[in-house]
C-alpha atoms as a PDB file:
ATOM      1  CA  MET A   1     104.258-172.312 188.086  1.00  0.00           C
ATOM      2  CA  GLN A   2     106.711-171.283 190.779  1.00  0.00           C
ATOM      3  CA  ALA A   3     109.327-174.008 189.864  1.00  0.00           C
ATOM      4  CA  LEU A   4     108.824-173.193 185.988  1.00  0.00           C
ATOM      5  CA  ASP A   5     109.641-169.395 186.945  1.00  0.00           C
ATOM      6  CA  PHE A   6     112.513-170.289 188.842  1.00  0.00           C
ATOM      7  CA  MET A   7     114.165-172.651 185.886  1.00  0.00           C
ATOM      8  CA  LEU A   8     113.354-169.937 183.495  1.00  0.00           C
ATOM      9  CA  ALA A   9     115.273-167.808 185.480  1.00  0.00           C
ATOM     10  CA  GLN A  10     118.087-169.906 185.651  1.00  0.00           C
ATOM     11  CA  GLN A  11     118.528-170.262 181.831  1.00  0.00           C
ATOM     12  CA  ALA A  12     119.441-166.446 181.450  1.00  0.00           C
ATOM     13  CA  PRO A  13     121.124-165.185 179.702  1.00  0.00           C
ATOM     14  CA  TYR A  14     119.797-167.605 177.306  1.00  0.00           C
ATOM     15  CA  PRO A  15     116.154-167.682 175.856  1.00  0.00           C
ATOM     16  CA  ALA A  16     113.735-170.228 177.210  1.00  0.00           C
ATOM     17  CA  LEU A  17     110.325-171.007 176.664  1.00  0.00           C
ATOM     18  CA  VAL A  18     107.688-173.264 178.160  1.00  0.00           C
ATOM     19  CA  VAL A  19     104.700-174.298 175.634  1.00  0.00           C
ATOM     20  CA  ASP A  20     101.819-176.509 176.197  1.00  0.00           C
ATOM     21  CA  ARG A  21     101.452-179.607 174.283  1.00  0.00           C
ATOM     22  CA  LEU A  22      99.876-177.780 171.410  1.00  0.00           C
ATOM     23  CA  TRP A  23     102.638-175.504 171.040  1.00  0.00           C
ATOM     24  CA  ASN A  24     101.203-172.573 172.713  1.00  0.00           C
ATOM     25  CA  LEU A  25     103.341-170.442 174.615  1.00  0.00           C
ATOM     26  CA  VAL A  26     102.596-170.341 178.405  1.00  0.00           C
ATOM     27  CA  MET A  27     105.763-168.908 179.916  1.00  0.00           C
ATOM     28  CA  HIS A  28     109.281-167.451 178.700  1.00  0.00           C
ATOM     29  CA  ASN A  29     112.293-165.783 180.511  1.00  0.00           C
ATOM     30  CA  ALA A  30     113.240-162.064 179.658  1.00  0.00           C
ATOM     31  CA  PRO A  31     116.052-162.835 177.263  1.00  0.00           C
ATOM     32  CA  ALA A  32     113.452-164.902 175.021  1.00  0.00           C
ATOM     33  CA  ALA A  33     110.887-161.760 175.302  1.00  0.00           C
ATOM     34  CA  ARG A  34     113.913-159.502 174.058  1.00  0.00           C
ATOM     35  CA  LEU A  35     114.682-161.800 171.070  1.00  0.00           C
ATOM     36  CA  MET A  36     111.099-162.381 170.087  1.00  0.00           C
ATOM     37  CA  ARG A  37     110.782-158.501 170.179  1.00  0.00           C
ATOM     38  CA  TRP A  38     113.777-157.804 167.983  1.00  0.00           C
ATOM     39  CA  LEU A  39     113.149-160.645 165.773  1.00  0.00           C
ATOM     40  CA  LEU A  40     109.475-159.790 165.098  1.00  0.00           C
ATOM     41  CA  GLY A  41     110.183-155.774 164.876  1.00  0.00           C
ATOM     42  CA  MET A  42     108.176-155.141 168.126  1.00  0.00           C
ATOM     43  CA  PRO A  43     108.515-152.241 170.216  1.00  0.00           C
ATOM     44  CA  ALA A  44     110.975-152.844 173.257  1.00  0.00           C
ATOM     45  CA  ASP A  45     108.171-152.314 175.830  1.00  0.00           C
ATOM     46  CA  ALA A  46     105.868-154.626 174.150  1.00  0.00           C
ATOM     47  CA  ALA A  47     104.249-157.447 175.947  1.00  0.00           C
ATOM     48  CA  ILE A  48     104.918-160.992 174.933  1.00  0.00           C
ATOM     49  CA  PRO A  49     101.479-162.833 175.663  1.00  0.00           C
ATOM     50  CA  ARG A  50     101.738-165.489 178.423  1.00  0.00           C
ATOM     51  CA  ASP A  51      98.643-166.764 178.038  1.00  0.00           C
ATOM     52  CA  GLY A  52      98.533-169.116 175.211  1.00  0.00           C
ATOM     53  CA  SER A  53      97.492-167.373 172.534  1.00  0.00           C
ATOM     54  CA  VAL A  54     100.821-167.345 170.862  1.00  0.00           C
ATOM     55  CA  ASN A  55     101.555-170.542 169.106  1.00  0.00           C
ATOM     56  CA  VAL A  56     105.162-170.902 168.735  1.00  0.00           C
ATOM     57  CA  LEU A  57     105.039-173.715 166.028  1.00  0.00           C
ATOM     58  CA  LYS A  58     103.023-171.418 163.796  1.00  0.00           C
ATOM     59  CA  LEU A  59     105.355-168.592 164.549  1.00  0.00           C
ATOM     60  CA  MET A  60     108.063-170.555 163.335  1.00  0.00           C
ATOM     61  CA  LEU A  61     106.565-171.498 160.030  1.00  0.00           C
ATOM     62  CA  ASP A  62     104.819-168.014 159.517  1.00  0.00           C
ATOM     63  CA  PRO A  63     106.498-165.968 156.741  1.00  0.00           C
ATOM     64  CA  ASN A  64     105.789-162.782 158.851  1.00  0.00           C
ATOM     65  CA  GLY A  65     107.417-164.511 161.883  1.00  0.00           C
ATOM     66  CA  MET A  66     110.443-166.352 162.597  1.00  0.00           C
ATOM     67  CA  ARG A  67     110.968-167.841 159.147  1.00  0.00           C
ATOM     68  CA  PRO A  68     112.923-165.097 157.546  1.00  0.00           C
ATOM     69  CA  TRP A  69     115.536-165.638 160.076  1.00  0.00           C
ATOM     70  CA  LEU A  70     116.036-169.303 159.617  1.00  0.00           C
ATOM     71  CA  ALA A  71     118.672-169.909 157.214  1.00  0.00           C
ATOM     72  CA  ASN A  72     117.890-173.442 157.188  1.00  0.00           C
ATOM     73  CA  TRP A  73     114.182-173.034 156.985  1.00  0.00           C
ATOM     74  CA  GLU A  74     113.367-176.235 155.197  1.00  0.00           C
ATOM     75  CA  ASP A  75     114.939-178.450 157.637  1.00  0.00           C
ATOM     76  CA  VAL A  76     113.543-176.572 160.659  1.00  0.00           C
ATOM     77  CA  ALA A  77     110.119-177.064 159.218  1.00  0.00           C
ATOM     78  CA  ALA A  78     110.514-180.633 158.430  1.00  0.00           C
ATOM     79  CA  ASP A  79     111.588-181.354 162.038  1.00  0.00           C
ATOM     80  CA  LEU A  80     108.630-179.085 163.439  1.00  0.00           C
ATOM     81  CA  LEU A  81     106.085-180.843 161.610  1.00  0.00           C
ATOM     82  CA  GLN A  82     107.327-184.383 162.135  1.00  0.00           C
END
């Protein structure tokens, strides 16, 4: 976990996520949290769960998630589902 924390920190200022084999979010860096809060209309101090309760794949496909922000949603969805 310490090595992953280090790698995530090195990615700043770029957003970075760590997901498990089922696409559940288990770690993220601060820029990723800020981006997710902004895209999802969350308060700036809202916590982004790091316990696997957020599924990144579902979040990308959800009409109330990241989908409205993807100009080429059909292409992204096809790649994600594949």
